[in-house]
């Protein structure tokens, strides 16, 4: 585990990612929602056998699914939600993931 006090003592600035990226509170929350949805998808996709099967189940191309799996920033919330729904999640499941942010 990293000792933050030692880093600060050596001149490093320690803070939040949202401060470093100069995100507004709204942008920070949106980022946290996307991260929570991505984590949920990662947990749910364990039941899926291959990327091709997953791609067919949400009627999308492999490139967007690869972006989701590689946690690329450009992935839309719509694609994340579609992918999560394709794993059998309900809208209530997705609402719980979003509600857990904060």
PDB file of N, CA and C in Angstrom:
ATOM      1  N   UNK A   1       0.834  -1.174   0.000  1.00  0.00           N
ATOM      2  CA  UNK A   1       0.000   0.000   0.000  1.00  0.00           C
ATOM      3  C   UNK A   1       0.884   1.244   0.000  1.00  0.00           C
ATOM      4  N   UNK A   2       0.462   2.245  -0.722  1.00  0.00           N
ATOM      5  CA  UNK A   2       1.230   3.483  -0.843  1.00  0.00           C
ATOM      6  C   UNK A   2       0.980   4.358   0.379  1.00  0.00           C
ATOM      7  N   UNK A   3       2.059   4.879   0.945  1.00  0.00           N
ATOM      8  CA  UNK A   3       1.954   5.795   2.070  1.00  0.00           C
ATOM      9  C   UNK A   3       1.871   7.210   1.507  1.00  0.00           C
ATOM     10  N   UNK A   4       0.667   7.798   1.557  1.00  0.00           N
ATOM     11  CA  UNK A   4       0.457   9.123   0.978  1.00  0.00           C
ATOM     12  C   UNK A   4       1.266  10.198   1.682  1.00  0.00           C
ATOM     13  N   UNK A   5       1.480  10.046   2.980  1.00  0.00           N
ATOM     14  CA  UNK A   5       2.267  11.038   3.714  1.00  0.00           C
ATOM     15  C   UNK A   5       3.702  11.087   3.210  1.00  0.00           C
ATOM     16  N   UNK A   6       4.260   9.915   2.896  1.00  0.00           N
ATOM     17  CA  UNK A   6       5.631   9.878   2.366  1.00  0.00           C
ATOM     18  C   UNK A   6       5.701  10.564   1.014  1.00  0.00           C
ATOM     19  N   UNK A   7       4.677  10.353   0.187  1.00  0.00           N
ATOM     20  CA  UNK A   7       4.656  11.020  -1.121  1.00  0.00           C
ATOM     21  C   UNK A   7       4.580  12.531  -0.958  1.00  0.00           C
ATOM     22  N   UNK A   8       3.711  12.977  -0.062  1.00  0.00           N
ATOM     23  CA  UNK A   8       3.583  14.427   0.181  1.00  0.00           C
ATOM     24  C   UNK A   8       4.877  15.001   0.738  1.00  0.00           C
ATOM     25  N   UNK A   9       5.537  14.264   1.613  1.00  0.00           N
ATOM     26  CA  UNK A   9       6.805  14.717   2.178  1.00  0.00           C
ATOM     27  C   UNK A   9       7.876  14.898   1.100  1.00  0.00           C
ATOM     28  N   UNK A  10       7.767  14.118   0.018  1.00  0.00           N
ATOM     29  CA  UNK A  10       8.735  14.203  -1.073  1.00  0.00           C
ATOM     30  C   UNK A  10       8.313  15.198  -2.152  1.00  0.00           C
ATOM     31  N   UNK A  11       7.245  15.968  -1.874  1.00  0.00           N
ATOM     32  CA  UNK A  11       6.842  17.009  -2.799  1.00  0.00           C
ATOM     33  C   UNK A  11       5.721  16.648  -3.753  1.00  0.00           C
ATOM     34  N   UNK A  12       5.196  15.433  -3.654  1.00  0.00           N
ATOM     35  CA  UNK A  12       4.091  15.030  -4.518  1.00  0.00           C
ATOM     36  C   UNK A  12       2.806  15.667  -4.022  1.00  0.00           C
ATOM     37  N   UNK A  13       1.957  16.029  -4.944  1.00  0.00           N
ATOM     38  CA  UNK A  13       0.636  16.539  -4.583  1.00  0.00           C
ATOM     39  C   UNK A  13      -0.343  15.374  -4.624  1.00  0.00           C
ATOM     40  N   UNK A  14      -1.062  15.178  -3.539  1.00  0.00           N
ATOM     41  CA  UNK A  14      -2.008  14.076  -3.430  1.00  0.00           C
ATOM     42  C   UNK A  14      -3.407  14.669  -3.417  1.00  0.00           C
ATOM     43  N   UNK A  15      -4.284  14.105  -4.223  1.00  0.00           N
ATOM     44  CA  UNK A  15      -5.653  14.597  -4.277  1.00  0.00           C
ATOM     45  C   UNK A  15      -6.558  13.642  -5.016  1.00  0.00           C
ATOM     46  N   UNK A  16      -7.712  14.145  -5.362  1.00  0.00           N
ATOM     47  CA  UNK A  16      -8.705  13.352  -6.074  1.00  0.00           C
ATOM     48  C   UNK A  16      -8.478  13.443  -7.574  1.00  0.00           C
ATOM     49  N   UNK A  17      -8.895  12.394  -8.276  1.00  0.00           N
ATOM     50  CA  UNK A  17      -8.789  12.379  -9.737  1.00  0.00           C
ATOM     51  C   UNK A  17      -9.591  13.542 -10.323  1.00  0.00           C
ATOM     52  N   UNK A  18     -10.763  13.814  -9.757  1.00  0.00           N
ATOM     53  CA  UNK A  18     -11.600  14.896 -10.279  1.00  0.00           C
ATOM     54  C   UNK A  18     -10.908  16.252 -10.154  1.00  0.00           C
ATOM     55  N   UNK A  19     -10.109  16.436  -9.108  1.00  0.00           N
ATOM     56  CA  UNK A  19      -9.348  17.681  -8.964  1.00  0.00           C
ATOM     57  C   UNK A  19      -8.248  17.758 -10.019  1.00  0.00           C
ATOM     58  N   UNK A  20      -7.547  16.644 -10.207  1.00  0.00           N
ATOM     59  CA  UNK A  20      -6.462  16.589 -11.184  1.00  0.00           C
ATOM     60  C   UNK A  20      -6.980  16.868 -12.593  1.00  0.00           C
ATOM     61  N   UNK A  21      -8.137  16.293 -12.912  1.00  0.00           N
ATOM     62  CA  UNK A  21      -8.720  16.473 -14.247  1.00  0.00           C
ATOM     63  C   UNK A  21      -9.553  17.742 -14.369  1.00  0.00           C
ATOM     64  N   UNK A  22      -9.661  18.464 -13.265  1.00  0.00           N
ATOM     65  CA  UNK A  22     -10.449  19.700 -13.204  1.00  0.00           C
ATOM     66  C   UNK A  22     -11.884  19.461 -13.659  1.00  0.00           C
ATOM     67  N   UNK A  23     -12.498  18.435 -13.075  1.00  0.00           N
ATOM     68  CA  UNK A  23     -13.874  18.097 -13.400  1.00  0.00           C
ATOM     69  C   UNK A  23     -14.838  18.876 -12.522  1.00  0.00           C
ATOM     70  N   UNK A  24     -15.952  19.254 -13.115  1.00  0.00           N
ATOM     71  CA  UNK A  24     -17.020  19.863 -12.326  1.00  0.00           C
ATOM     72  C   UNK A  24     -17.654  18.750 -11.486  1.00  0.00           C
ATOM     73  N   UNK A  25     -18.427  19.111 -10.454  1.00  0.00           N
ATOM     74  CA  UNK A  25     -19.092  18.062  -9.660  1.00  0.00           C
ATOM     75  C   UNK A  25     -19.969  17.152 -10.532  1.00  0.00           C
ATOM     76  N   UNK A  26     -20.637  17.735 -11.525  1.00  0.00           N
ATOM     77  CA  UNK A  26     -21.494  16.947 -12.409  1.00  0.00           C
ATOM     78  C   UNK A  26     -20.673  15.971 -13.258  1.00  0.00           C
ATOM     79  N   UNK A  27     -19.551  16.447 -13.771  1.00  0.00           N
ATOM     80  CA  UNK A  27     -18.679  15.585 -14.579  1.00  0.00           C
ATOM     81  C   UNK A  27     -18.099  14.457 -13.734  1.00  0.00           C
ATOM     82  N   UNK A  28     -17.749  14.762 -12.497  1.00  0.00           N
ATOM     83  CA  UNK A  28     -17.191  13.744 -11.605  1.00  0.00           C
ATOM     84  C   UNK A  28     -18.223  12.661 -11.315  1.00  0.00           C
ATOM     85  N   UNK A  29     -19.466  13.052 -11.082  1.00  0.00           N
ATOM     86  CA  UNK A  29     -20.526  12.074 -10.822  1.00  0.00           C
ATOM     87  C   UNK A  29     -20.770  11.220 -12.061  1.00  0.00           C
ATOM     88  N   UNK A  30     -20.809  11.854 -13.232  1.00  0.00           N
ATOM     89  CA  UNK A  30     -21.012  11.106 -14.472  1.00  0.00           C
ATOM     90  C   UNK A  30     -19.892  10.085 -14.665  1.00  0.00           C
ATOM     91  N   UNK A  31     -18.667  10.476 -14.389  1.00  0.00           N
ATOM     92  CA  UNK A  31     -17.537   9.555 -14.500  1.00  0.00           C
ATOM     93  C   UNK A  31     -17.691   8.397 -13.521  1.00  0.00           C
ATOM     94  N   UNK A  32     -18.113   8.683 -12.304  1.00  0.00           N
ATOM     95  CA  UNK A  32     -18.319   7.624 -11.308  1.00  0.00           C
ATOM     96  C   UNK A  32     -19.431   6.674 -11.743  1.00  0.00           C
ATOM     97  N   UNK A  33     -20.490   7.200 -12.366  1.00  0.00           N
ATOM     98  CA  UNK A  33     -21.572   6.349 -12.866  1.00  0.00           C
ATOM     99  C   UNK A  33     -21.051   5.430 -13.965  1.00  0.00           C
ATOM    100  N   UNK A  34     -20.269   5.995 -14.890  1.00  0.00           N
ATOM    101  CA  UNK A  34     -19.718   5.167 -15.969  1.00  0.00           C
ATOM    102  C   UNK A  34     -18.810   4.078 -15.408  1.00  0.00           C
ATOM    103  N   UNK A  35     -18.004   4.427 -14.421  1.00  0.00           N
ATOM    104  CA  UNK A  35     -17.128   3.422 -13.801  1.00  0.00           C
ATOM    105  C   UNK A  35     -17.938   2.333 -13.104  1.00  0.00           C
ATOM    106  N   UNK A  36     -19.004   2.729 -12.410  1.00  0.00           N
ATOM    107  CA  UNK A  36     -19.846   1.746 -11.723  1.00  0.00           C
ATOM    108  C   UNK A  36     -20.536   0.827 -12.721  1.00  0.00           C
ATOM    109  N   UNK A  37     -21.027   1.396 -13.824  1.00  0.00           N
ATOM    110  CA  UNK A  37     -21.660   0.571 -14.858  1.00  0.00           C
ATOM    111  C   UNK A  37     -20.641  -0.370 -15.487  1.00  0.00           C
ATOM    112  N   UNK A  38     -19.420   0.118 -15.729  1.00  0.00           N
ATOM    113  CA  UNK A  38     -18.366  -0.731 -16.297  1.00  0.00           C
ATOM    114  C   UNK A  38     -18.033  -1.887 -15.367  1.00  0.00           C
ATOM    115  N   UNK A  39     -17.927  -1.599 -14.074  1.00  0.00           N
ATOM    116  CA  UNK A  39     -17.637  -2.664 -13.105  1.00  0.00           C
ATOM    117  C   UNK A  39     -18.767  -3.691 -13.074  1.00  0.00           C
ATOM    118  N   UNK A  40     -20.000  -3.199 -13.118  1.00  0.00           N
ATOM    119  CA  UNK A  40     -21.148  -4.094 -13.114  1.00  0.00           C
ATOM    120  C   UNK A  40     -21.132  -4.998 -14.337  1.00  0.00           C
ATOM    121  N   UNK A  41     -20.823  -4.419 -15.488  1.00  0.00           N
ATOM    122  CA  UNK A  41     -20.749  -5.216 -16.708  1.00  0.00           C
ATOM    123  C   UNK A  41     -19.658  -6.266 -16.599  1.00  0.00           C
ATOM    124  N   UNK A  42     -18.510  -5.891 -16.069  1.00  0.00           N
ATOM    125  CA  UNK A  42     -17.407  -6.847 -15.919  1.00  0.00           C
ATOM    126  C   UNK A  42     -17.838  -8.027 -15.046  1.00  0.00           C
ATOM    127  N   UNK A  43     -18.561  -7.739 -13.983  1.00  0.00           N
ATOM    128  CA  UNK A  43     -19.029  -8.802 -13.097  1.00  0.00           C
ATOM    129  C   UNK A  43     -20.048  -9.690 -13.805  1.00  0.00           C
ATOM    130  N   UNK A  44     -20.947  -9.073 -14.581  1.00  0.00           N
ATOM    131  CA  UNK A  44     -22.015  -9.824 -15.228  1.00  0.00           C
ATOM    132  C   UNK A  44     -21.550 -10.612 -16.438  1.00  0.00           C
ATOM    133  N   UNK A  45     -20.528 -10.137 -17.111  1.00  0.00           N
ATOM    134  CA  UNK A  45     -20.126 -10.809 -18.349  1.00  0.00           C
ATOM    135  C   UNK A  45     -19.411 -12.123 -18.102  1.00  0.00           C
ATOM    136  N   UNK A  46     -19.125 -12.438 -16.853  1.00  0.00           N
ATOM    137  CA  UNK A  46     -18.498 -13.722 -16.550  1.00  0.00           C
ATOM    138  C   UNK A  46     -19.337 -14.876 -17.076  1.00  0.00           C
ATOM    139  N   UNK A  47     -20.646 -14.660 -17.185  1.00  0.00           N
ATOM    140  CA  UNK A  47     -21.531 -15.720 -17.673  1.00  0.00           C
ATOM    141  C   UNK A  47     -21.493 -15.842 -19.194  1.00  0.00           C
ATOM    142  N   UNK A  48     -20.943 -14.858 -19.852  1.00  0.00           N
ATOM    143  CA  UNK A  48     -20.883 -14.892 -21.316  1.00  0.00           C
ATOM    144  C   UNK A  48     -19.620 -15.613 -21.758  1.00  0.00           C
ATOM    145  N   UNK A  49     -19.744 -16.442 -22.777  1.00  0.00           N
ATOM    146  CA  UNK A  49     -18.630 -17.293 -23.175  1.00  0.00           C
ATOM    147  C   UNK A  49     -17.597 -16.558 -24.015  1.00  0.00           C
ATOM    148  N   UNK A  50     -18.021 -15.841 -25.033  1.00  0.00           N
ATOM    149  CA  UNK A  50     -17.073 -15.189 -25.920  1.00  0.00           C
ATOM    150  C   UNK A  50     -17.508 -13.775 -26.236  1.00  0.00           C
ATOM    151  N   UNK A  51     -16.570 -13.001 -26.703  1.00  0.00           N
ATOM    152  CA  UNK A  51     -16.887 -11.645 -27.128  1.00  0.00           C
ATOM    153  C   UNK A  51     -17.868 -11.667 -28.299  1.00  0.00           C
ATOM    154  N   UNK A  52     -17.743 -12.620 -29.194  1.00  0.00           N
ATOM    155  CA  UNK A  52     -18.664 -12.708 -30.332  1.00  0.00           C
ATOM    156  C   UNK A  52     -20.086 -12.983 -29.876  1.00  0.00           C
ATOM    157  N   UNK A  53     -20.259 -13.864 -28.925  1.00  0.00           N
ATOM    158  CA  UNK A  53     -21.593 -14.149 -28.398  1.00  0.00           C
ATOM    159  C   UNK A  53     -22.185 -12.898 -27.775  1.00  0.00           C
ATOM    160  N   UNK A  54     -21.361 -12.176 -27.034  1.00  0.00           N
ATOM    161  CA  UNK A  54     -21.807 -10.940 -26.392  1.00  0.00           C
ATOM    162  C   UNK A  54     -22.190  -9.910 -27.448  1.00  0.00           C
ATOM    163  N   UNK A  55     -21.385  -9.781 -28.480  1.00  0.00           N
ATOM    164  CA  UNK A  55     -21.659  -8.829 -29.546  1.00  0.00           C
ATOM    165  C   UNK A  55     -22.997  -9.136 -30.195  1.00  0.00           C
ATOM    166  N   UNK A  56     -23.262 -10.401 -30.479  1.00  0.00           N
ATOM    167  CA  UNK A  56     -24.526 -10.781 -31.098  1.00  0.00           C
ATOM    168  C   UNK A  56     -25.691 -10.489 -30.171  1.00  0.00           C
ATOM    169  N   UNK A  57     -25.507 -10.655 -28.889  1.00  0.00           N
ATOM    170  CA  UNK A  57     -26.617 -10.490 -27.968  1.00  0.00           C
ATOM    171  C   UNK A  57     -27.061  -9.042 -27.826  1.00  0.00           C
ATOM    172  N   UNK A  58     -26.188  -8.078 -28.120  1.00  0.00           N
ATOM    173  CA  UNK A  58     -26.617  -6.682 -28.029  1.00  0.00           C
ATOM    174  C   UNK A  58     -26.654  -6.010 -29.395  1.00  0.00           C
ATOM    175  N   UNK A  59     -26.525  -6.794 -30.454  1.00  0.00           N
ATOM    176  CA  UNK A  59     -26.646  -6.284 -31.820  1.00  0.00           C
ATOM    177  C   UNK A  59     -25.714  -5.108 -32.069  1.00  0.00           C
ATOM    178  N   UNK A  60     -24.468  -5.287 -31.755  1.00  0.00           N
ATOM    179  CA  UNK A  60     -23.479  -4.239 -31.924  1.00  0.00           C
ATOM    180  C   UNK A  60     -22.265  -4.834 -32.621  1.00  0.00           C
ATOM    181  N   UNK A  61     -21.334  -3.969 -33.003  1.00  0.00           N
ATOM    182  CA  UNK A  61     -20.112  -4.461 -33.626  1.00  0.00           C
ATOM    183  C   UNK A  61     -19.100  -4.822 -32.548  1.00  0.00           C
ATOM    184  N   UNK A  62     -18.061  -5.555 -32.943  1.00  0.00           N
ATOM    185  CA  UNK A  62     -17.053  -5.953 -31.968  1.00  0.00           C
ATOM    186  C   UNK A  62     -16.268  -4.762 -31.438  1.00  0.00           C
ATOM    187  N   UNK A  63     -16.050  -3.737 -32.252  1.00  0.00           N
ATOM    188  CA  UNK A  63     -15.247  -2.599 -31.813  1.00  0.00           C
ATOM    189  C   UNK A  63     -15.832  -1.926 -30.569  1.00  0.00           C
ATOM    190  N   UNK A  64     -17.132  -1.580 -30.546  1.00  0.00           N
ATOM    191  CA  UNK A  64     -17.653  -0.977 -29.307  1.00  0.00           C
ATOM    192  C   UNK A  64     -17.561  -1.905 -28.106  1.00  0.00           C
ATOM    193  N   UNK A  65     -17.789  -3.196 -28.317  1.00  0.00           N
ATOM    194  CA  UNK A  65     -17.692  -4.129 -27.202  1.00  0.00           C
ATOM    195  C   UNK A  65     -16.252  -4.207 -26.706  1.00  0.00           C
ATOM    196  N   UNK A  66     -15.303  -4.176 -27.620  1.00  0.00           N
ATOM    197  CA  UNK A  66     -13.889  -4.166 -27.218  1.00  0.00           C
ATOM    198  C   UNK A  66     -13.595  -2.913 -26.402  1.00  0.00           C
ATOM    199  N   UNK A  67     -14.187  -1.785 -26.793  1.00  0.00           N
ATOM    200  CA  UNK A  67     -13.989  -0.553 -26.023  1.00  0.00           C
ATOM    201  C   UNK A  67     -14.533  -0.713 -24.609  1.00  0.00           C
ATOM    202  N   UNK A  68     -15.703  -1.340 -24.483  1.00  0.00           N
ATOM    203  CA  UNK A  68     -16.285  -1.565 -23.158  1.00  0.00           C
ATOM    204  C   UNK A  68     -15.353  -2.459 -22.350  1.00  0.00           C
ATOM    205  N   UNK A  69     -14.906  -3.543 -22.965  1.00  0.00           N
ATOM    206  CA  UNK A  69     -14.056  -4.483 -22.243  1.00  0.00           C
ATOM    207  C   UNK A  69     -12.707  -3.883 -21.875  1.00  0.00           C
ATOM    208  N   UNK A  70     -12.219  -2.947 -22.677  1.00  0.00           N
ATOM    209  CA  UNK A  70     -10.946  -2.292 -22.385  1.00  0.00           C
ATOM    210  C   UNK A  70     -11.125  -1.027 -21.559  1.00  0.00           C
ATOM    211  N   UNK A  71     -12.362  -0.767 -21.132  1.00  0.00           N
ATOM    212  CA  UNK A  71     -12.696   0.373 -20.291  1.00  0.00           C
ATOM    213  C   UNK A  71     -12.235   1.697 -20.895  1.00  0.00           C
ATOM    214  N   UNK A  72     -12.438   1.848 -22.212  1.00  0.00           N
ATOM    215  CA  UNK A  72     -12.062   3.082 -22.873  1.00  0.00           C
ATOM    216  C   UNK A  72     -13.026   4.203 -22.491  1.00  0.00           C
ATOM    217  N   UNK A  73     -12.495   5.405 -22.409  1.00  0.00           N
ATOM    218  CA  UNK A  73     -13.264   6.571 -21.980  1.00  0.00           C
ATOM    219  C   UNK A  73     -14.400   6.911 -22.938  1.00  0.00           C
ATOM    220  N   UNK A  74     -14.240   6.607 -24.224  1.00  0.00           N
ATOM    221  CA  UNK A  74     -15.224   7.020 -25.223  1.00  0.00           C
ATOM    222  C   UNK A  74     -16.482   6.167 -25.239  1.00  0.00           C
ATOM    223  N   UNK A  75     -16.572   5.159 -24.401  1.00  0.00           N
ATOM    224  CA  UNK A  75     -17.751   4.301 -24.356  1.00  0.00           C
ATOM    225  C   UNK A  75     -18.919   5.107 -23.800  1.00  0.00           C
ATOM    226  N   UNK A  76     -20.044   5.047 -24.495  1.00  0.00           N
ATOM    227  CA  UNK A  76     -21.216   5.790 -24.050  1.00  0.00           C
ATOM    228  C   UNK A  76     -21.957   5.034 -22.950  1.00  0.00           C
ATOM    229  N   UNK A  77     -22.697   5.776 -22.165  1.00  0.00           N
ATOM    230  CA  UNK A  77     -23.529   5.156 -21.138  1.00  0.00           C
ATOM    231  C   UNK A  77     -24.574   4.266 -21.801  1.00  0.00           C
ATOM    232  N   UNK A  78     -25.056   4.683 -22.977  1.00  0.00           N
ATOM    233  CA  UNK A  78     -26.048   3.877 -23.690  1.00  0.00           C
ATOM    234  C   UNK A  78     -25.493   2.496 -24.028  1.00  0.00           C
ATOM    235  N   UNK A  79     -24.251   2.437 -24.500  1.00  0.00           N
ATOM    236  CA  UNK A  79     -23.640   1.149 -24.832  1.00  0.00           C
ATOM    237  C   UNK A  79     -23.426   0.321 -23.570  1.00  0.00           C
ATOM    238  N   UNK A  80     -22.994   0.945 -22.506  1.00  0.00           N
ATOM    239  CA  UNK A  80     -22.820   0.226 -21.246  1.00  0.00           C
ATOM    240  C   UNK A  80     -24.135  -0.381 -20.773  1.00  0.00           C
ATOM    241  N   UNK A  81     -25.197   0.417 -20.818  1.00  0.00           N
ATOM    242  CA  UNK A  81     -26.502  -0.069 -20.363  1.00  0.00           C
ATOM    243  C   UNK A  81     -27.001  -1.180 -21.278  1.00  0.00           C
ATOM    244  N   UNK A  82     -26.844  -1.021 -22.591  1.00  0.00           N
ATOM    245  CA  UNK A  82     -27.255  -2.077 -23.527  1.00  0.00           C
ATOM    246  C   UNK A  82     -26.514  -3.375 -23.244  1.00  0.00           C
ATOM    247  N   UNK A  83     -25.215  -3.257 -22.997  1.00  0.00           N
ATOM    248  CA  UNK A  83     -24.407  -4.440 -22.720  1.00  0.00           C
ATOM    249  C   UNK A  83     -24.830  -5.093 -21.407  1.00  0.00           C
ATOM    250  N   UNK A  84     -25.109  -4.299 -20.403  1.00  0.00           N
ATOM    251  CA  UNK A  84     -25.542  -4.852 -19.115  1.00  0.00           C
ATOM    252  C   UNK A  84     -26.903  -5.526 -19.265  1.00  0.00           C
ATOM    253  N   UNK A  85     -27.821  -4.896 -19.983  1.00  0.00           N
ATOM    254  CA  UNK A  85     -29.137  -5.504 -20.215  1.00  0.00           C
ATOM    255  C   UNK A  85     -28.997  -6.833 -20.950  1.00  0.00           C
ATOM    256  N   UNK A  86     -28.039  -6.903 -21.869  1.00  0.00           N
ATOM    257  CA  UNK A  86     -27.825  -8.131 -22.637  1.00  0.00           C
ATOM    258  C   UNK A  86     -27.350  -9.282 -21.756  1.00  0.00           C
ATOM    259  N   UNK A  87     -26.817  -8.966 -20.592  1.00  0.00           N
ATOM    260  CA  UNK A  87     -26.378 -10.022 -19.674  1.00  0.00           C
ATOM    261  C   UNK A  87     -27.528 -10.526 -18.810  1.00  0.00           C
ATOM    262  N   UNK A  88     -28.716  -9.952 -19.006  1.00  0.00           N
ATOM    263  CA  UNK A  88     -29.881 -10.385 -18.240  1.00  0.00           C
ATOM    264  C   UNK A  88     -30.243  -9.468 -17.095  1.00  0.00           C
ATOM    265  N   UNK A  89     -29.557  -8.353 -16.960  1.00  0.00           N
ATOM    266  CA  UNK A  89     -29.870  -7.407 -15.891  1.00  0.00           C
ATOM    267  C   UNK A  89     -31.211  -6.731 -16.162  1.00  0.00           C
ATOM    268  N   UNK A  90     -31.865  -6.346 -15.109  1.00  0.00           N
ATOM    269  CA  UNK A  90     -33.120  -5.610 -15.225  1.00  0.00           C
ATOM    270  C   UNK A  90     -32.846  -4.116 -15.085  1.00  0.00           C
ATOM    271  N   UNK A  91     -33.789  -3.284 -15.492  1.00  0.00           N
ATOM    272  CA  UNK A  91     -33.616  -1.846 -15.247  1.00  0.00           C
ATOM    273  C   UNK A  91     -33.405  -1.538 -13.761  1.00  0.00           C
ATOM    274  N   UNK A  92     -34.033  -2.320 -12.904  1.00  0.00           N
ATOM    275  CA  UNK A  92     -33.851  -2.119 -11.455  1.00  0.00           C
ATOM    276  C   UNK A  92     -32.414  -2.423 -11.043  1.00  0.00           C
ATOM    277  N   UNK A  93     -31.821  -3.449 -11.659  1.00  0.00           N
ATOM    278  CA  UNK A  93     -30.408  -3.756 -11.370  1.00  0.00           C
ATOM    279  C   UNK A  93     -29.520  -2.580 -11.745  1.00  0.00           C
ATOM    280  N   UNK A  94     -29.789  -2.006 -12.900  1.00  0.00           N
ATOM    281  CA  UNK A  94     -28.995  -0.866 -13.367  1.00  0.00           C
ATOM    282  C   UNK A  94     -29.218   0.342 -12.463  1.00  0.00           C
ATOM    283  N   UNK A  95     -30.458   0.534 -12.050  1.00  0.00           N
ATOM    284  CA  UNK A  95     -30.764   1.645 -11.133  1.00  0.00           C
ATOM    285  C   UNK A  95     -30.007   1.482  -9.829  1.00  0.00           C
ATOM    286  N   UNK A  96     -29.876   0.253  -9.342  1.00  0.00           N
ATOM    287  CA  UNK A  96     -29.130   0.015  -8.101  1.00  0.00           C
ATOM    288  C   UNK A  96     -27.660   0.357  -8.257  1.00  0.00           C
ATOM    289  N   UNK A  97     -27.102   0.028  -9.428  1.00  0.00           N
ATOM    290  CA  UNK A  97     -25.693   0.353  -9.689  1.00  0.00           C
ATOM    291  C   UNK A  97     -25.509   1.869  -9.662  1.00  0.00           C
ATOM    292  N   UNK A  98     -26.396   2.576 -10.346  1.00  0.00           N
ATOM    293  CA  UNK A  98     -26.286   4.041 -10.397  1.00  0.00           C
ATOM    294  C   UNK A  98     -26.523   4.644  -9.017  1.00  0.00           C
ATOM    295  N   UNK A  99     -27.503   4.110  -8.282  1.00  0.00           N
ATOM    296  CA  UNK A  99     -27.802   4.636  -6.943  1.00  0.00           C
ATOM    297  C   UNK A  99     -26.652   4.415  -5.965  1.00  0.00           C
ATOM    298  N   UNK A 100     -25.799   3.434  -6.238  1.00  0.00           N
ATOM    299  CA  UNK A 100     -24.683   3.154  -5.327  1.00  0.00           C
ATOM    300  C   UNK A 100     -23.565   4.194  -5.440  1.00  0.00           C
ATOM    301  N   UNK A 101     -23.624   5.026  -6.489  1.00  0.00           N
ATOM    302  CA  UNK A 101     -22.610   6.063  -6.687  1.00  0.00           C
ATOM    303  C   UNK A 101     -22.907   7.223  -5.747  1.00  0.00           C
ATOM    304  N   UNK A 102     -21.881   7.719  -5.143  1.00  0.00           N
ATOM    305  CA  UNK A 102     -22.125   8.889  -4.326  1.00  0.00           C
ATOM    306  C   UNK A 102     -21.454   8.823  -3.060  1.00  0.00           C
TER     307      UNK A 102
END
